[in-house]
């Protein structure tokens, strides 16, 4: 957090009243305020956001839970899906194509 000169003058008073040591004191106060603000920001991040490792482990756990949730129905329905696919592939009903049937209806038998 950077304070403007006007803000420092408002907080500490004008430098001509305080003397030559006022600019040094202002710089010390600036450094102190910066340290305090960084400290508050870091504490806030740790308290409400957690650290990087905590976030990564939470994301990893959530991902594993979701993949396990997806795998369970796949495993339980796998056999039924395979049987249904085999039925569809092996159940052959020879029929003429719909377009060929329409062509015969409107134009007569197809001769090659």
N, C-alpha and C. Protein backbone atom coordinates (compact mmCIF):
# COMPACT_ATOMS: atom_id res chain seq x y z
N UNK A 1 0.86 -1.17 0.00
CA UNK A 1 0.00 0.00 0.00
C UNK A 1 0.90 1.22 0.00
N UNK A 2 0.75 2.06 -0.98
CA UNK A 2 1.59 3.23 -1.11
C UNK A 2 0.76 4.47 -0.79
N UNK A 3 1.27 5.30 0.10
CA UNK A 3 0.57 6.52 0.47
C UNK A 3 1.12 7.70 -0.31
N UNK A 4 0.23 8.56 -0.70
CA UNK A 4 0.69 9.77 -1.39
C UNK A 4 1.29 10.74 -0.38
N UNK A 5 1.99 11.73 -0.90
CA UNK A 5 2.61 12.73 -0.02
C UNK A 5 1.55 13.49 0.76
N UNK A 6 0.44 13.83 0.09
CA UNK A 6 -0.64 14.56 0.77
C UNK A 6 -1.22 13.75 1.92
N UNK A 7 -1.38 12.44 1.69
CA UNK A 7 -1.95 11.57 2.73
C UNK A 7 -0.98 11.48 3.91
N UNK A 8 0.32 11.41 3.63
CA UNK A 8 1.30 11.37 4.70
C UNK A 8 1.28 12.67 5.51
N UNK A 9 1.16 13.78 4.80
CA UNK A 9 1.11 15.07 5.49
C UNK A 9 -0.12 15.12 6.38
N UNK A 10 -1.23 14.57 5.89
CA UNK A 10 -2.46 14.56 6.70
C UNK A 10 -2.27 13.70 7.94
N UNK A 11 -1.57 12.55 7.79
CA UNK A 11 -1.39 11.65 8.91
C UNK A 11 -0.33 12.14 9.91
N UNK A 12 0.78 12.65 9.38
CA UNK A 12 1.91 12.99 10.24
C UNK A 12 2.08 14.48 10.47
N UNK A 13 1.44 15.28 9.69
CA UNK A 13 1.61 16.73 9.79
C UNK A 13 2.58 17.22 8.74
N UNK A 14 2.60 18.50 8.48
CA UNK A 14 3.51 19.04 7.46
C UNK A 14 4.96 18.89 7.88
N UNK A 15 5.82 18.66 6.91
CA UNK A 15 7.23 18.43 7.21
C UNK A 15 7.94 19.68 7.71
N UNK A 16 7.48 20.86 7.31
CA UNK A 16 8.15 22.07 7.78
C UNK A 16 7.92 22.29 9.27
N UNK A 17 6.82 21.78 9.80
CA UNK A 17 6.56 21.91 11.24
C UNK A 17 7.40 20.89 12.01
N UNK A 18 7.53 19.69 11.43
CA UNK A 18 8.25 18.62 12.12
C UNK A 18 9.76 18.74 11.99
N UNK A 19 10.24 19.41 10.98
CA UNK A 19 11.69 19.58 10.81
C UNK A 19 12.26 18.62 9.79
N UNK A 20 13.62 18.57 9.73
CA UNK A 20 14.31 17.75 8.73
C UNK A 20 14.14 16.25 8.99
N UNK A 21 14.00 15.88 10.21
CA UNK A 21 13.82 14.47 10.54
C UNK A 21 12.44 13.96 10.16
N UNK A 22 11.56 14.84 9.74
CA UNK A 22 10.19 14.44 9.41
C UNK A 22 10.15 13.52 8.20
N UNK A 23 10.97 13.78 7.19
CA UNK A 23 10.95 12.90 6.02
C UNK A 23 11.44 11.51 6.38
N UNK A 24 12.46 11.41 7.24
CA UNK A 24 12.91 10.10 7.69
C UNK A 24 11.82 9.39 8.48
N UNK A 25 11.15 10.15 9.33
CA UNK A 25 10.06 9.57 10.12
C UNK A 25 8.92 9.13 9.20
N UNK A 26 8.64 9.93 8.18
CA UNK A 26 7.58 9.56 7.23
C UNK A 26 7.94 8.27 6.49
N UNK A 27 9.20 8.14 6.11
CA UNK A 27 9.63 6.92 5.43
C UNK A 27 9.53 5.71 6.35
N UNK A 28 9.91 5.89 7.61
CA UNK A 28 9.78 4.79 8.57
C UNK A 28 8.32 4.38 8.74
N UNK A 29 7.46 5.37 8.82
CA UNK A 29 6.03 5.08 8.97
C UNK A 29 5.50 4.38 7.73
N UNK A 30 5.96 4.83 6.56
CA UNK A 30 5.55 4.17 5.31
C UNK A 30 5.95 2.71 5.31
N UNK A 31 7.19 2.43 5.70
CA UNK A 31 7.69 1.06 5.75
C UNK A 31 6.87 0.25 6.75
N UNK A 32 6.60 0.83 7.89
CA UNK A 32 5.84 0.15 8.92
C UNK A 32 4.41 -0.14 8.45
N UNK A 33 3.78 0.84 7.82
CA UNK A 33 2.43 0.63 7.30
C UNK A 33 2.41 -0.43 6.20
N UNK A 34 3.42 -0.43 5.36
CA UNK A 34 3.51 -1.44 4.32
C UNK A 34 3.65 -2.83 4.92
N UNK A 35 4.49 -2.98 5.93
CA UNK A 35 4.66 -4.28 6.59
C UNK A 35 3.36 -4.73 7.24
N UNK A 36 2.68 -3.80 7.90
CA UNK A 36 1.42 -4.14 8.56
C UNK A 36 0.38 -4.57 7.54
N UNK A 37 0.28 -3.83 6.44
CA UNK A 37 -0.73 -4.19 5.44
C UNK A 37 -0.40 -5.54 4.81
N UNK A 38 0.88 -5.81 4.54
CA UNK A 38 1.25 -7.13 4.00
C UNK A 38 0.92 -8.24 4.99
N UNK A 39 1.16 -7.97 6.26
CA UNK A 39 0.86 -8.94 7.30
C UNK A 39 -0.64 -9.25 7.32
N UNK A 40 -1.47 -8.21 7.27
CA UNK A 40 -2.92 -8.41 7.25
C UNK A 40 -3.37 -9.17 6.00
N UNK A 41 -2.78 -8.82 4.87
CA UNK A 41 -3.14 -9.50 3.62
C UNK A 41 -2.76 -10.98 3.69
N UNK A 42 -1.57 -11.29 4.19
CA UNK A 42 -1.14 -12.68 4.30
C UNK A 42 -2.02 -13.47 5.27
N UNK A 43 -2.34 -12.86 6.41
CA UNK A 43 -3.23 -13.54 7.36
C UNK A 43 -4.60 -13.79 6.77
N UNK A 44 -5.12 -12.82 6.02
CA UNK A 44 -6.42 -12.98 5.37
C UNK A 44 -6.38 -14.12 4.37
N UNK A 45 -5.34 -14.16 3.55
CA UNK A 45 -5.21 -15.22 2.56
C UNK A 45 -5.13 -16.59 3.22
N UNK A 46 -4.34 -16.70 4.29
CA UNK A 46 -4.21 -17.98 4.97
C UNK A 46 -5.52 -18.40 5.64
N UNK A 47 -6.21 -17.42 6.23
CA UNK A 47 -7.42 -17.75 6.96
C UNK A 47 -8.56 -18.13 6.03
N UNK A 48 -8.75 -17.39 4.96
CA UNK A 48 -9.91 -17.60 4.11
C UNK A 48 -9.62 -18.39 2.84
N UNK A 49 -8.40 -18.34 2.36
CA UNK A 49 -8.07 -19.05 1.13
C UNK A 49 -7.26 -20.31 1.38
N UNK A 50 -6.52 -20.36 2.44
CA UNK A 50 -5.65 -21.49 2.71
C UNK A 50 -4.36 -21.35 1.91
N UNK A 51 -3.44 -22.27 2.16
CA UNK A 51 -2.21 -22.20 1.39
C UNK A 51 -2.33 -23.04 0.13
N UNK A 52 -1.32 -22.97 -0.72
CA UNK A 52 -1.36 -23.61 -2.03
C UNK A 52 -1.51 -25.12 -1.92
N UNK A 53 -0.82 -25.74 -0.97
CA UNK A 53 -0.89 -27.19 -0.81
C UNK A 53 -2.29 -27.64 -0.40
N UNK A 54 -2.93 -26.88 0.49
CA UNK A 54 -4.29 -27.22 0.90
C UNK A 54 -5.25 -27.17 -0.28
N UNK A 55 -5.11 -26.14 -1.08
CA UNK A 55 -5.99 -25.99 -2.24
C UNK A 55 -5.76 -27.12 -3.24
N UNK A 56 -4.49 -27.45 -3.49
CA UNK A 56 -4.18 -28.52 -4.43
C UNK A 56 -4.72 -29.86 -3.93
N UNK A 57 -4.56 -30.15 -2.65
CA UNK A 57 -5.05 -31.43 -2.12
C UNK A 57 -6.57 -31.49 -2.16
N UNK A 58 -7.23 -30.36 -1.90
CA UNK A 58 -8.70 -30.35 -1.96
C UNK A 58 -9.17 -30.58 -3.39
N UNK A 59 -8.53 -29.95 -4.35
CA UNK A 59 -8.90 -30.15 -5.76
C UNK A 59 -8.65 -31.60 -6.16
N UNK A 60 -7.52 -32.17 -5.72
CA UNK A 60 -7.21 -33.56 -6.04
C UNK A 60 -8.25 -34.51 -5.45
N UNK A 61 -8.63 -34.28 -4.18
CA UNK A 61 -9.65 -35.12 -3.55
C UNK A 61 -10.99 -35.00 -4.27
N UNK A 62 -11.39 -33.78 -4.61
CA UNK A 62 -12.65 -33.58 -5.33
C UNK A 62 -12.64 -34.28 -6.68
N UNK A 63 -11.52 -34.20 -7.38
CA UNK A 63 -11.41 -34.86 -8.68
C UNK A 63 -11.51 -36.37 -8.54
N UNK A 64 -10.83 -36.93 -7.55
CA UNK A 64 -10.90 -38.37 -7.32
C UNK A 64 -12.32 -38.80 -6.96
N UNK A 65 -13.00 -38.03 -6.13
CA UNK A 65 -14.38 -38.35 -5.77
C UNK A 65 -15.28 -38.34 -7.00
N UNK A 66 -15.10 -37.35 -7.85
CA UNK A 66 -15.94 -37.26 -9.05
C UNK A 66 -15.65 -38.41 -10.00
N UNK A 67 -14.37 -38.76 -10.20
CA UNK A 67 -14.06 -39.87 -11.09
C UNK A 67 -14.57 -41.19 -10.53
N UNK A 68 -14.49 -41.37 -9.21
CA UNK A 68 -15.06 -42.58 -8.61
C UNK A 68 -16.57 -42.61 -8.78
N UNK A 69 -17.20 -41.46 -8.66
CA UNK A 69 -18.65 -41.38 -8.87
C UNK A 69 -19.04 -41.71 -10.29
N UNK A 70 -18.18 -41.39 -11.24
CA UNK A 70 -18.46 -41.71 -12.64
C UNK A 70 -18.17 -43.18 -12.92
N UNK A 71 -17.14 -43.73 -12.31
CA UNK A 71 -16.74 -45.12 -12.57
C UNK A 71 -17.77 -46.12 -12.07
N UNK A 72 -18.42 -45.84 -10.96
CA UNK A 72 -19.37 -46.80 -10.38
C UNK A 72 -20.52 -47.14 -11.33
N UNK A 73 -21.23 -46.15 -11.92
CA UNK A 73 -22.29 -46.52 -12.87
C UNK A 73 -21.76 -47.22 -14.11
N UNK A 74 -20.55 -46.88 -14.53
CA UNK A 74 -19.97 -47.52 -15.71
C UNK A 74 -19.75 -49.00 -15.43
N UNK A 75 -19.18 -49.30 -14.28
CA UNK A 75 -18.93 -50.69 -13.93
C UNK A 75 -20.24 -51.47 -13.78
N UNK A 76 -21.23 -50.86 -13.16
CA UNK A 76 -22.49 -51.57 -12.93
C UNK A 76 -23.29 -51.77 -14.21
N UNK A 77 -23.17 -50.88 -15.19
CA UNK A 77 -23.95 -50.99 -16.43
C UNK A 77 -23.17 -51.56 -17.60
N UNK A 78 -21.90 -51.88 -17.39
CA UNK A 78 -21.04 -52.30 -18.48
C UNK A 78 -21.56 -53.55 -19.19
N UNK A 79 -21.92 -54.55 -18.43
CA UNK A 79 -22.38 -55.82 -19.02
C UNK A 79 -23.68 -55.62 -19.80
N UNK A 80 -24.60 -54.85 -19.26
CA UNK A 80 -25.88 -54.62 -19.94
C UNK A 80 -25.66 -53.86 -21.25
N UNK A 81 -24.76 -52.93 -21.26
CA UNK A 81 -24.48 -52.16 -22.48
C UNK A 81 -23.85 -53.06 -23.54
N UNK A 82 -22.93 -53.93 -23.14
CA UNK A 82 -22.30 -54.83 -24.10
C UNK A 82 -23.33 -55.77 -24.71
N UNK A 83 -24.20 -56.31 -23.88
CA UNK A 83 -25.25 -57.21 -24.38
C UNK A 83 -26.15 -56.48 -25.36
N UNK A 84 -26.56 -55.26 -25.04
CA UNK A 84 -27.44 -54.49 -25.92
C UNK A 84 -26.75 -54.17 -27.25
N UNK A 85 -25.48 -53.80 -27.21
CA UNK A 85 -24.74 -53.52 -28.45
C UNK A 85 -24.64 -54.77 -29.32
N UNK A 86 -24.38 -55.92 -28.70
CA UNK A 86 -24.30 -57.16 -29.46
C UNK A 86 -25.65 -57.51 -30.08
N UNK A 87 -26.72 -57.26 -29.36
CA UNK A 87 -28.05 -57.50 -29.92
C UNK A 87 -28.29 -56.64 -31.15
N UNK A 88 -27.94 -55.37 -31.05
CA UNK A 88 -28.15 -54.47 -32.17
C UNK A 88 -27.29 -54.84 -33.38
N UNK A 89 -26.05 -55.25 -33.14
CA UNK A 89 -25.16 -55.59 -34.23
C UNK A 89 -25.53 -56.92 -34.87
N UNK A 90 -25.90 -57.88 -34.06
CA UNK A 90 -26.17 -59.22 -34.57
C UNK A 90 -27.60 -59.42 -35.07
N UNK A 91 -28.51 -58.57 -34.69
CA UNK A 91 -29.91 -58.70 -35.11
C UNK A 91 -30.08 -58.03 -36.47
N UNK A 92 -29.82 -58.81 -37.53
CA UNK A 92 -29.85 -58.27 -38.89
C UNK A 92 -31.21 -58.57 -39.51
N UNK A 93 -31.85 -57.54 -40.01
CA UNK A 93 -33.13 -57.69 -40.71
C UNK A 93 -32.94 -57.14 -42.12
N UNK A 94 -32.82 -58.00 -43.09
CA UNK A 94 -32.60 -57.50 -44.45
C UNK A 94 -33.85 -56.78 -44.97
N UNK A 95 -33.70 -55.51 -45.27
CA UNK A 95 -34.79 -54.70 -45.80
C UNK A 95 -34.24 -53.82 -46.91
N UNK A 96 -35.10 -53.42 -47.82
CA UNK A 96 -34.70 -52.46 -48.84
C UNK A 96 -34.63 -51.08 -48.22
N UNK A 97 -33.74 -50.28 -48.77
CA UNK A 97 -33.61 -48.91 -48.29
C UNK A 97 -34.88 -48.13 -48.60
N UNK A 98 -35.22 -47.21 -47.74
CA UNK A 98 -36.44 -46.43 -47.88
C UNK A 98 -36.48 -45.66 -49.22
N UNK A 99 -35.35 -45.11 -49.63
CA UNK A 99 -35.31 -44.37 -50.90
C UNK A 99 -35.57 -45.29 -52.09
N UNK A 100 -35.06 -46.50 -52.05
CA UNK A 100 -35.30 -47.44 -53.13
C UNK A 100 -36.77 -47.84 -53.19
N UNK A 101 -37.37 -48.01 -52.06
CA UNK A 101 -38.80 -48.33 -52.02
C UNK A 101 -39.62 -47.19 -52.63
N UNK A 102 -39.29 -45.95 -52.30
CA UNK A 102 -40.00 -44.81 -52.87
C UNK A 102 -39.77 -44.71 -54.38
N UNK A 103 -38.54 -44.99 -54.80
CA UNK A 103 -38.23 -44.91 -56.23
C UNK A 103 -39.05 -45.95 -56.99
N UNK A 104 -39.16 -47.15 -56.48
CA UNK A 104 -39.96 -48.19 -57.12
C UNK A 104 -41.42 -47.78 -57.16
N UNK A 105 -41.89 -47.14 -56.11
CA UNK A 105 -43.29 -46.75 -56.03
C UNK A 105 -43.62 -45.70 -57.09
N UNK A 106 -42.73 -44.72 -57.28
CA UNK A 106 -43.02 -43.62 -58.20
C UNK A 106 -42.55 -43.89 -59.64
N UNK A 107 -41.48 -44.64 -59.81
CA UNK A 107 -40.90 -44.80 -61.15
C UNK A 107 -40.94 -46.21 -61.67
N UNK A 108 -41.45 -47.13 -60.93
CA UNK A 108 -41.50 -48.51 -61.39
C UNK A 108 -40.28 -49.26 -60.94
N UNK A 109 -40.17 -50.54 -61.34
CA UNK A 109 -39.05 -51.36 -60.90
C UNK A 109 -37.71 -50.83 -61.43
N UNK A 110 -36.71 -50.99 -60.65
CA UNK A 110 -35.36 -50.52 -61.00
C UNK A 110 -34.67 -51.59 -61.84
N UNK A 111 -34.18 -51.18 -63.01
CA UNK A 111 -33.52 -52.13 -63.89
C UNK A 111 -32.05 -51.74 -64.02
N UNK A 112 -31.17 -52.73 -63.87
CA UNK A 112 -29.74 -52.45 -63.98
C UNK A 112 -29.21 -52.95 -65.29
